[in-house]
């Protein structure tokens, strides 16, 4: 398993480092043991958090309701919890080297 992903019971936890106000929204790599994500949205009124949840849900192929920010909601360092999806599917979908 990659260093940014952890299994916790039936949930998958993902450690993320967010860069808001980027030129575009995308997964760019791994930095400091976290999945690095650039978001075009600004960190204002939850816009960046919503963009992060949307990106992860769409990339993994799950409903937004299955993705929750459980750590660092106001920080660039966040932890996401995904429900109802396998660790293998998450790794395949989110690994930066895939595409």
PDB file of N, CA and C in Angstrom:
ATOM      1  N   UNK A   1       0.834  -1.179   0.000  1.00  0.00           N
ATOM      2  CA  UNK A   1       0.000   0.000   0.000  1.00  0.00           C
ATOM      3  C   UNK A   1       0.890   1.259   0.000  1.00  0.00           C
ATOM      4  N   UNK A   2       0.448   2.282  -0.704  1.00  0.00           N
ATOM      5  CA  UNK A   2       1.210   3.537  -0.673  1.00  0.00           C
ATOM      6  C   UNK A   2       1.156   4.169   0.715  1.00  0.00           C
ATOM      7  N   UNK A   3       2.136   4.990   1.014  1.00  0.00           N
ATOM      8  CA  UNK A   3       2.254   5.613   2.327  1.00  0.00           C
ATOM      9  C   UNK A   3       1.104   6.561   2.666  1.00  0.00           C
ATOM     10  N   UNK A   4       0.378   7.043   1.663  1.00  0.00           N
ATOM     11  CA  UNK A   4      -0.704   8.007   1.889  1.00  0.00           C
ATOM     12  C   UNK A   4      -2.060   7.343   2.115  1.00  0.00           C
ATOM     13  N   UNK A   5      -2.116   5.997   2.065  1.00  0.00           N
ATOM     14  CA  UNK A   5      -3.383   5.282   2.193  1.00  0.00           C
ATOM     15  C   UNK A   5      -3.326   4.340   3.391  1.00  0.00           C
ATOM     16  N   UNK A   6      -4.409   4.295   4.157  1.00  0.00           N
ATOM     17  CA  UNK A   6      -4.495   3.427   5.331  1.00  0.00           C
ATOM     18  C   UNK A   6      -5.877   2.786   5.367  1.00  0.00           C
ATOM     19  N   UNK A   7      -5.920   1.523   5.746  1.00  0.00           N
ATOM     20  CA  UNK A   7      -7.213   0.857   5.920  1.00  0.00           C
ATOM     21  C   UNK A   7      -7.605   0.956   7.387  1.00  0.00           C
ATOM     22  N   UNK A   8      -8.881   1.267   7.632  1.00  0.00           N
ATOM     23  CA  UNK A   8      -9.394   1.370   8.991  1.00  0.00           C
ATOM     24  C   UNK A   8     -10.763   0.705   9.012  1.00  0.00           C
ATOM     25  N   UNK A   9     -10.788  -0.546   9.385  1.00  0.00           N
ATOM     26  CA  UNK A   9     -12.039  -1.301   9.347  1.00  0.00           C
ATOM     27  C   UNK A   9     -12.534  -1.397   7.913  1.00  0.00           C
ATOM     28  N   UNK A  10     -13.771  -0.952   7.674  1.00  0.00           N
ATOM     29  CA  UNK A  10     -14.324  -0.990   6.316  1.00  0.00           C
ATOM     30  C   UNK A  10     -14.108   0.322   5.566  1.00  0.00           C
ATOM     31  N   UNK A  11     -13.301   1.207   6.136  1.00  0.00           N
ATOM     32  CA  UNK A  11     -13.041   2.504   5.511  1.00  0.00           C
ATOM     33  C   UNK A  11     -11.598   2.585   5.024  1.00  0.00           C
ATOM     34  N   UNK A  12     -11.384   3.471   4.069  1.00  0.00           N
ATOM     35  CA  UNK A  12     -10.055   3.774   3.560  1.00  0.00           C
ATOM     36  C   UNK A  12      -9.754   5.224   3.944  1.00  0.00           C
ATOM     37  N   UNK A  13      -8.612   5.456   4.564  1.00  0.00           N
ATOM     38  CA  UNK A  13      -8.185   6.806   4.906  1.00  0.00           C
ATOM     39  C   UNK A  13      -7.087   7.233   3.940  1.00  0.00           C
ATOM     40  N   UNK A  14      -7.185   8.451   3.461  1.00  0.00           N
ATOM     41  CA  UNK A  14      -6.203   9.000   2.530  1.00  0.00           C
ATOM     42  C   UNK A  14      -5.660  10.302   3.114  1.00  0.00           C
ATOM     43  N   UNK A  15      -4.353  10.371   3.248  1.00  0.00           N
ATOM     44  CA  UNK A  15      -3.699  11.607   3.688  1.00  0.00           C
ATOM     45  C   UNK A  15      -3.408  12.449   2.453  1.00  0.00           C
ATOM     46  N   UNK A  16      -3.865  13.693   2.479  1.00  0.00           N
ATOM     47  CA  UNK A  16      -3.786  14.569   1.307  1.00  0.00           C
ATOM     48  C   UNK A  16      -3.099  15.888   1.683  1.00  0.00           C
ATOM     49  N   UNK A  17      -2.316  16.409   0.759  1.00  0.00           N
ATOM     50  CA  UNK A  17      -1.755  17.752   0.864  1.00  0.00           C
ATOM     51  C   UNK A  17      -2.368  18.558  -0.272  1.00  0.00           C
ATOM     52  N   UNK A  18      -3.106  19.603   0.073  1.00  0.00           N
ATOM     53  CA  UNK A  18      -3.870  20.374  -0.903  1.00  0.00           C
ATOM     54  C   UNK A  18      -3.167  21.697  -1.219  1.00  0.00           C
ATOM     55  N   UNK A  19      -3.135  22.031  -2.498  1.00  0.00           N
ATOM     56  CA  UNK A  19      -2.667  23.349  -2.950  1.00  0.00           C
ATOM     57  C   UNK A  19      -3.836  24.049  -3.628  1.00  0.00           C
ATOM     58  N   UNK A  20      -4.532  24.937  -2.917  1.00  0.00           N
ATOM     59  CA  UNK A  20      -5.660  25.640  -3.522  1.00  0.00           C
ATOM     60  C   UNK A  20      -5.195  26.725  -4.478  1.00  0.00           C
ATOM     61  N   UNK A  21      -6.119  27.247  -5.246  1.00  0.00           N
ATOM     62  CA  UNK A  21      -5.875  28.320  -6.225  1.00  0.00           C
ATOM     63  C   UNK A  21      -4.814  27.933  -7.255  1.00  0.00           C
ATOM     64  N   UNK A  22      -4.809  26.677  -7.660  1.00  0.00           N
ATOM     65  CA  UNK A  22      -3.885  26.213  -8.706  1.00  0.00           C
ATOM     66  C   UNK A  22      -4.493  26.526 -10.076  1.00  0.00           C
ATOM     67  N   UNK A  23      -3.705  26.349 -11.110  1.00  0.00           N
ATOM     68  CA  UNK A  23      -4.206  26.634 -12.457  1.00  0.00           C
ATOM     69  C   UNK A  23      -5.271  25.628 -12.887  1.00  0.00           C
ATOM     70  N   UNK A  24      -5.193  24.408 -12.341  1.00  0.00           N
ATOM     71  CA  UNK A  24      -6.229  23.413 -12.634  1.00  0.00           C
ATOM     72  C   UNK A  24      -6.290  22.397 -11.499  1.00  0.00           C
ATOM     73  N   UNK A  25      -7.355  21.628 -11.468  1.00  0.00           N
ATOM     74  CA  UNK A  25      -7.563  20.628 -10.432  1.00  0.00           C
ATOM     75  C   UNK A  25      -7.023  19.296 -10.919  1.00  0.00           C
ATOM     76  N   UNK A  26      -6.082  18.727 -10.124  1.00  0.00           N
ATOM     77  CA  UNK A  26      -5.484  17.447 -10.523  1.00  0.00           C
ATOM     78  C   UNK A  26      -4.663  16.862  -9.381  1.00  0.00           C
ATOM     79  N   UNK A  27      -4.395  15.579  -9.493  1.00  0.00           N
ATOM     80  CA  UNK A  27      -3.504  14.878  -8.573  1.00  0.00           C
ATOM     81  C   UNK A  27      -2.111  14.969  -9.182  1.00  0.00           C
ATOM     82  N   UNK A  28      -1.137  15.452  -8.405  1.00  0.00           N
ATOM     83  CA  UNK A  28       0.179  15.712  -8.986  1.00  0.00           C
ATOM     84  C   UNK A  28       1.299  14.827  -8.472  1.00  0.00           C
ATOM     85  N   UNK A  29       1.094  14.110  -7.395  1.00  0.00           N
ATOM     86  CA  UNK A  29       2.170  13.262  -6.903  1.00  0.00           C
ATOM     87  C   UNK A  29       2.049  13.004  -5.420  1.00  0.00           C
ATOM     88  N   UNK A  30       3.182  12.679  -4.826  1.00  0.00           N
ATOM     89  CA  UNK A  30       3.240  12.425  -3.391  1.00  0.00           C
ATOM     90  C   UNK A  30       4.271  13.370  -2.799  1.00  0.00           C
ATOM     91  N   UNK A  31       3.908  14.006  -1.686  1.00  0.00           N
ATOM     92  CA  UNK A  31       4.803  14.935  -1.004  1.00  0.00           C
ATOM     93  C   UNK A  31       4.608  14.756   0.499  1.00  0.00           C
ATOM     94  N   UNK A  32       5.701  14.564   1.226  1.00  0.00           N
ATOM     95  CA  UNK A  32       5.645  14.393   2.684  1.00  0.00           C
ATOM     96  C   UNK A  32       4.673  13.288   3.090  1.00  0.00           C
ATOM     97  N   UNK A  33       4.728  12.154   2.418  1.00  0.00           N
ATOM     98  CA  UNK A  33       3.897  10.979   2.704  1.00  0.00           C
ATOM     99  C   UNK A  33       2.401  11.238   2.511  1.00  0.00           C
ATOM    100  N   UNK A  34       2.069  12.228   1.709  1.00  0.00           N
ATOM    101  CA  UNK A  34       0.669  12.552   1.418  1.00  0.00           C
ATOM    102  C   UNK A  34       0.467  12.647  -0.082  1.00  0.00           C
ATOM    103  N   UNK A  35      -0.734  12.336  -0.520  1.00  0.00           N
ATOM    104  CA  UNK A  35      -1.103  12.503  -1.918  1.00  0.00           C
ATOM    105  C   UNK A  35      -1.266  13.999  -2.167  1.00  0.00           C
ATOM    106  N   UNK A  36      -0.510  14.541  -3.105  1.00  0.00           N
ATOM    107  CA  UNK A  36      -0.568  15.977  -3.367  1.00  0.00           C
ATOM    108  C   UNK A  36      -1.604  16.260  -4.445  1.00  0.00           C
ATOM    109  N   UNK A  37      -2.514  17.173  -4.125  1.00  0.00           N
ATOM    110  CA  UNK A  37      -3.613  17.522  -5.015  1.00  0.00           C
ATOM    111  C   UNK A  37      -3.636  19.035  -5.216  1.00  0.00           C
ATOM    112  N   UNK A  38      -3.683  19.456  -6.460  1.00  0.00           N
ATOM    113  CA  UNK A  38      -3.856  20.874  -6.776  1.00  0.00           C
ATOM    114  C   UNK A  38      -5.334  21.110  -7.064  1.00  0.00           C
ATOM    115  N   UNK A  39      -5.864  22.174  -6.496  1.00  0.00           N
ATOM    116  CA  UNK A  39      -7.273  22.524  -6.683  1.00  0.00           C
ATOM    117  C   UNK A  39      -7.374  23.928  -7.249  1.00  0.00           C
ATOM    118  N   UNK A  40      -8.169  24.098  -8.277  1.00  0.00           N
ATOM    119  CA  UNK A  40      -8.382  25.421  -8.860  1.00  0.00           C
ATOM    120  C   UNK A  40      -9.203  26.301  -7.918  1.00  0.00           C
ATOM    121  N   UNK A  41      -9.997  25.690  -7.077  1.00  0.00           N
ATOM    122  CA  UNK A  41     -10.878  26.436  -6.165  1.00  0.00           C
ATOM    123  C   UNK A  41     -10.070  27.139  -5.072  1.00  0.00           C
ATOM    124  N   UNK A  42     -10.561  28.288  -4.622  1.00  0.00           N
ATOM    125  CA  UNK A  42      -9.904  28.991  -3.518  1.00  0.00           C
ATOM    126  C   UNK A  42     -10.334  28.382  -2.177  1.00  0.00           C
ATOM    127  N   UNK A  43      -9.525  28.580  -1.142  1.00  0.00           N
ATOM    128  CA  UNK A  43      -9.889  28.045   0.175  1.00  0.00           C
ATOM    129  C   UNK A  43     -10.856  28.979   0.909  1.00  0.00           C
ATOM    130  N   UNK A  44     -11.977  29.268   0.287  1.00  0.00           N
ATOM    131  CA  UNK A  44     -12.950  30.209   0.823  1.00  0.00           C
ATOM    132  C   UNK A  44     -14.312  29.532   0.892  1.00  0.00           C
ATOM    133  N   UNK A  45     -14.968  29.658   2.040  1.00  0.00           N
ATOM    134  CA  UNK A  45     -16.327  29.140   2.222  1.00  0.00           C
ATOM    135  C   UNK A  45     -16.477  27.683   1.803  1.00  0.00           C
ATOM    136  N   UNK A  46     -15.460  26.873   2.041  1.00  0.00           N
ATOM    137  CA  UNK A  46     -15.531  25.443   1.756  1.00  0.00           C
ATOM    138  C   UNK A  46     -15.397  25.055   0.305  1.00  0.00           C
ATOM    139  N   UNK A  47     -15.070  26.004  -0.569  1.00  0.00           N
ATOM    140  CA  UNK A  47     -14.980  25.702  -2.004  1.00  0.00           C
ATOM    141  C   UNK A  47     -13.882  24.687  -2.301  1.00  0.00           C
ATOM    142  N   UNK A  48     -12.714  24.849  -1.689  1.00  0.00           N
ATOM    143  CA  UNK A  48     -11.616  23.909  -1.936  1.00  0.00           C
ATOM    144  C   UNK A  48     -11.965  22.521  -1.401  1.00  0.00           C
ATOM    145  N   UNK A  49     -12.583  22.456  -0.235  1.00  0.00           N
ATOM    146  CA  UNK A  49     -12.985  21.159   0.320  1.00  0.00           C
ATOM    147  C   UNK A  49     -13.993  20.463  -0.591  1.00  0.00           C
ATOM    148  N   UNK A  50     -14.949  21.202  -1.085  1.00  0.00           N
ATOM    149  CA  UNK A  50     -15.953  20.624  -1.995  1.00  0.00           C
ATOM    150  C   UNK A  50     -15.291  20.138  -3.276  1.00  0.00           C
ATOM    151  N   UNK A  51     -14.336  20.906  -3.792  1.00  0.00           N
ATOM    152  CA  UNK A  51     -13.628  20.506  -5.011  1.00  0.00           C
ATOM    153  C   UNK A  51     -12.811  19.240  -4.779  1.00  0.00           C
ATOM    154  N   UNK A  52     -12.205  19.126  -3.600  1.00  0.00           N
ATOM    155  CA  UNK A  52     -11.425  17.931  -3.262  1.00  0.00           C
ATOM    156  C   UNK A  52     -12.323  16.698  -3.190  1.00  0.00           C
ATOM    157  N   UNK A  53     -13.434  16.815  -2.496  1.00  0.00           N
ATOM    158  CA  UNK A  53     -14.370  15.686  -2.382  1.00  0.00           C
ATOM    159  C   UNK A  53     -14.877  15.289  -3.766  1.00  0.00           C
ATOM    160  N   UNK A  54     -15.219  16.272  -4.585  1.00  0.00           N
ATOM    161  CA  UNK A  54     -15.707  16.001  -5.940  1.00  0.00           C
ATOM    162  C   UNK A  54     -14.638  15.289  -6.778  1.00  0.00           C
ATOM    163  N   UNK A  55     -13.400  15.777  -6.743  1.00  0.00           N
ATOM    164  CA  UNK A  55     -12.315  15.168  -7.508  1.00  0.00           C
ATOM    165  C   UNK A  55     -12.090  13.716  -7.102  1.00  0.00           C
ATOM    166  N   UNK A  56     -11.994  13.466  -5.809  1.00  0.00           N
ATOM    167  CA  UNK A  56     -11.734  12.103  -5.337  1.00  0.00           C
ATOM    168  C   UNK A  56     -12.901  11.180  -5.671  1.00  0.00           C
ATOM    169  N   UNK A  57     -14.126  11.632  -5.444  1.00  0.00           N
ATOM    170  CA  UNK A  57     -15.298  10.807  -5.735  1.00  0.00           C
ATOM    171  C   UNK A  57     -15.370  10.461  -7.224  1.00  0.00           C
ATOM    172  N   UNK A  58     -15.177  11.455  -8.076  1.00  0.00           N
ATOM    173  CA  UNK A  58     -15.251  11.211  -9.523  1.00  0.00           C
ATOM    174  C   UNK A  58     -14.108  10.329 -10.003  1.00  0.00           C
ATOM    175  N   UNK A  59     -12.910  10.540  -9.482  1.00  0.00           N
ATOM    176  CA  UNK A  59     -11.751   9.767  -9.919  1.00  0.00           C
ATOM    177  C   UNK A  59     -11.856   8.310  -9.481  1.00  0.00           C
ATOM    178  N   UNK A  60     -12.324   8.086  -8.262  1.00  0.00           N
ATOM    179  CA  UNK A  60     -12.461   6.716  -7.751  1.00  0.00           C
ATOM    180  C   UNK A  60     -13.718   6.047  -8.287  1.00  0.00           C
ATOM    181  N   UNK A  61     -14.734   6.838  -8.627  1.00  0.00           N
ATOM    182  CA  UNK A  61     -15.975   6.285  -9.152  1.00  0.00           C
ATOM    183  C   UNK A  61     -16.979   5.941  -8.067  1.00  0.00           C
ATOM    184  N   UNK A  62     -17.036   6.803  -7.049  1.00  0.00           N
ATOM    185  CA  UNK A  62     -18.007   6.608  -5.971  1.00  0.00           C
ATOM    186  C   UNK A  62     -18.836   7.876  -5.821  1.00  0.00           C
ATOM    187  N   UNK A  63     -19.919   7.780  -5.065  1.00  0.00           N
ATOM    188  CA  UNK A  63     -20.759   8.950  -4.792  1.00  0.00           C
ATOM    189  C   UNK A  63     -20.022   9.893  -3.840  1.00  0.00           C
ATOM    190  N   UNK A  64     -20.294  11.179  -3.969  1.00  0.00           N
ATOM    191  CA  UNK A  64     -19.663  12.165  -3.080  1.00  0.00           C
ATOM    192  C   UNK A  64     -19.965  11.871  -1.619  1.00  0.00           C
ATOM    193  N   UNK A  65     -21.118  11.298  -1.339  1.00  0.00           N
ATOM    194  CA  UNK A  65     -21.492  10.966   0.037  1.00  0.00           C
ATOM    195  C   UNK A  65     -20.575   9.914   0.650  1.00  0.00           C
ATOM    196  N   UNK A  66     -19.841   9.192  -0.176  1.00  0.00           N
ATOM    197  CA  UNK A  66     -18.915   8.165   0.312  1.00  0.00           C
ATOM    198  C   UNK A  66     -17.534   8.741   0.640  1.00  0.00           C
ATOM    199  N   UNK A  67     -17.329  10.025   0.383  1.00  0.00           N
ATOM    200  CA  UNK A  67     -16.044  10.685   0.639  1.00  0.00           C
ATOM    201  C   UNK A  67     -16.277  11.776   1.670  1.00  0.00           C
ATOM    202  N   UNK A  68     -15.510  11.721   2.761  1.00  0.00           N
ATOM    203  CA  UNK A  68     -15.704  12.686   3.848  1.00  0.00           C
ATOM    204  C   UNK A  68     -14.341  13.193   4.326  1.00  0.00           C
ATOM    205  N   UNK A  69     -14.247  14.473   4.586  1.00  0.00           N
ATOM    206  CA  UNK A  69     -13.040  15.042   5.178  1.00  0.00           C
ATOM    207  C   UNK A  69     -13.154  14.839   6.683  1.00  0.00           C
ATOM    208  N   UNK A  70     -12.256  14.022   7.243  1.00  0.00           N
ATOM    209  CA  UNK A  70     -12.325  13.698   8.670  1.00  0.00           C
ATOM    210  C   UNK A  70     -11.185  14.327   9.468  1.00  0.00           C
ATOM    211  N   UNK A  71     -10.263  14.967   8.780  1.00  0.00           N
ATOM    212  CA  UNK A  71      -9.163  15.626   9.476  1.00  0.00           C
ATOM    213  C   UNK A  71      -8.666  16.823   8.686  1.00  0.00           C
ATOM    214  N   UNK A  72      -8.399  17.919   9.376  1.00  0.00           N
ATOM    215  CA  UNK A  72      -7.832  19.100   8.748  1.00  0.00           C
ATOM    216  C   UNK A  72      -8.732  19.867   7.818  1.00  0.00           C
ATOM    217  N   UNK A  73      -9.999  20.076   8.156  1.00  0.00           N
ATOM    218  CA  UNK A  73     -10.901  20.762   7.231  1.00  0.00           C
ATOM    219  C   UNK A  73     -10.473  22.188   6.878  1.00  0.00           C
ATOM    220  N   UNK A  74      -9.701  22.837   7.742  1.00  0.00           N
ATOM    221  CA  UNK A  74      -9.241  24.191   7.456  1.00  0.00           C
ATOM    222  C   UNK A  74      -7.738  24.238   7.189  1.00  0.00           C
ATOM    223  N   UNK A  75      -7.130  23.086   7.012  1.00  0.00           N
ATOM    224  CA  UNK A  75      -5.692  22.978   6.796  1.00  0.00           C
ATOM    225  C   UNK A  75      -5.385  22.502   5.380  1.00  0.00           C
ATOM    226  N   UNK A  76      -4.158  22.701   4.938  1.00  0.00           N
ATOM    227  CA  UNK A  76      -3.732  22.130   3.654  1.00  0.00           C
ATOM    228  C   UNK A  76      -3.497  20.634   3.789  1.00  0.00           C
ATOM    229  N   UNK A  77      -3.261  20.165   4.998  1.00  0.00           N
ATOM    230  CA  UNK A  77      -3.072  18.734   5.283  1.00  0.00           C
ATOM    231  C   UNK A  77      -4.402  18.168   5.752  1.00  0.00           C
ATOM    232  N   UNK A  78      -4.964  17.312   4.943  1.00  0.00           N
ATOM    233  CA  UNK A  78      -6.292  16.776   5.228  1.00  0.00           C
ATOM    234  C   UNK A  78      -6.260  15.254   5.249  1.00  0.00           C
ATOM    235  N   UNK A  79      -7.231  14.676   5.902  1.00  0.00           N
ATOM    236  CA  UNK A  79      -7.438  13.237   5.850  1.00  0.00           C
ATOM    237  C   UNK A  79      -8.851  12.993   5.358  1.00  0.00           C
ATOM    238  N   UNK A  80      -8.963  12.156   4.336  1.00  0.00           N
ATOM    239  CA  UNK A  80     -10.259  11.794   3.774  1.00  0.00           C
ATOM    240  C   UNK A  80     -10.605  10.368   4.183  1.00  0.00           C
ATOM    241  N   UNK A  81     -11.889  10.108   4.375  1.00  0.00           N
ATOM    242  CA  UNK A  81     -12.363   8.746   4.620  1.00  0.00           C
ATOM    243  C   UNK A  81     -13.283   8.361   3.478  1.00  0.00           C
ATOM    244  N   UNK A  82     -12.998   7.216   2.865  1.00  0.00           N
ATOM    245  CA  UNK A  82     -13.840   6.691   1.801  1.00  0.00           C
ATOM    246  C   UNK A  82     -14.513   5.423   2.298  1.00  0.00           C
ATOM    247  N   UNK A  83     -15.792   5.305   2.039  1.00  0.00           N
ATOM    248  CA  UNK A  83     -16.562   4.134   2.448  1.00  0.00           C
ATOM    249  C   UNK A  83     -17.052   3.376   1.228  1.00  0.00           C
ATOM    250  N   UNK A  84     -17.172   2.079   1.355  1.00  0.00           N
ATOM    251  CA  UNK A  84     -17.769   1.263   0.307  1.00  0.00           C
ATOM    252  C   UNK A  84     -16.905   1.072  -0.921  1.00  0.00           C
ATOM    253  N   UNK A  85     -15.586   1.097  -0.742  1.00  0.00           N
ATOM    254  CA  UNK A  85     -14.680   0.929  -1.870  1.00  0.00           C
ATOM    255  C   UNK A  85     -13.431   0.200  -1.365  1.00  0.00           C
ATOM    256  N   UNK A  86     -12.833  -0.597  -2.231  1.00  0.00           N
ATOM    257  CA  UNK A  86     -11.647  -1.353  -1.828  1.00  0.00           C
ATOM    258  C   UNK A  86     -10.396  -0.495  -1.904  1.00  0.00           C
ATOM    259  N   UNK A  87      -9.420  -0.848  -1.096  1.00  0.00           N
ATOM    260  CA  UNK A  87      -8.133  -0.151  -1.115  1.00  0.00           C
ATOM    261  C   UNK A  87      -7.492  -0.276  -2.496  1.00  0.00           C
ATOM    262  N   UNK A  88      -7.619  -1.432  -3.114  1.00  0.00           N
ATOM    263  CA  UNK A  88      -7.023  -1.645  -4.437  1.00  0.00           C
ATOM    264  C   UNK A  88      -7.615  -0.686  -5.468  1.00  0.00           C
ATOM    265  N   UNK A  89      -8.922  -0.511  -5.448  1.00  0.00           N
ATOM    266  CA  UNK A  89      -9.559   0.400  -6.392  1.00  0.00           C
ATOM    267  C   UNK A  89      -9.094   1.837  -6.172  1.00  0.00           C
ATOM    268  N   UNK A  90      -8.965   2.234  -4.910  1.00  0.00           N
ATOM    269  CA  UNK A  90      -8.515   3.584  -4.581  1.00  0.00           C
ATOM    270  C   UNK A  90      -7.091   3.788  -5.075  1.00  0.00           C
ATOM    271  N   UNK A  91      -6.225   2.835  -4.827  1.00  0.00           N
ATOM    272  CA  UNK A  91      -4.826   2.947  -5.261  1.00  0.00           C
ATOM    273  C   UNK A  91      -4.745   3.042  -6.769  1.00  0.00           C
ATOM    274  N   UNK A  92      -5.465   2.188  -7.468  1.00  0.00           N
ATOM    275  CA  UNK A  92      -5.433   2.206  -8.928  1.00  0.00           C
ATOM    276  C   UNK A  92      -5.953   3.523  -9.489  1.00  0.00           C
ATOM    277  N   UNK A  93      -6.986   4.065  -8.884  1.00  0.00           N
ATOM    278  CA  UNK A  93      -7.594   5.297  -9.382  1.00  0.00           C
ATOM    279  C   UNK A  93      -6.764   6.537  -9.067  1.00  0.00           C
ATOM    280  N   UNK A  94      -6.180   6.591  -7.869  1.00  0.00           N
ATOM    281  CA  UNK A  94      -5.549   7.824  -7.416  1.00  0.00           C
ATOM    282  C   UNK A  94      -4.028   7.873  -7.541  1.00  0.00           C
ATOM    283  N   UNK A  95      -3.395   6.760  -7.808  1.00  0.00           N
ATOM    284  CA  UNK A  95      -1.929   6.772  -7.898  1.00  0.00           C
ATOM    285  C   UNK A  95      -1.467   7.765  -8.944  1.00  0.00           C
ATOM    286  N   UNK A  96      -0.586   8.679  -8.562  1.00  0.00           N
ATOM    287  CA  UNK A  96      -0.140   9.744  -9.461  1.00  0.00           C
ATOM    288  C   UNK A  96       0.536   9.246 -10.742  1.00  0.00           C
ATOM    289  N   UNK A  97       1.195   8.101 -10.669  1.00  0.00           N
ATOM    290  CA  UNK A  97       1.930   7.618 -11.842  1.00  0.00           C
ATOM    291  C   UNK A  97       1.042   7.036 -12.929  1.00  0.00           C
ATOM    292  N   UNK A  98      -0.244   6.909 -12.653  1.00  0.00           N
ATOM    293  CA  UNK A  98      -1.115   6.211 -13.607  1.00  0.00           C
ATOM    294  C   UNK A  98      -1.444   7.032 -14.852  1.00  0.00           C
ATOM    295  N   UNK A  99      -1.226   8.317 -14.825  1.00  0.00           N
ATOM    296  CA  UNK A  99      -1.625   8.945 -16.033  1.00  0.00           C
ATOM    297  C   UNK A  99      -1.360  10.339 -16.233  1.00  0.00           C
TER     298      UNK A  99
END
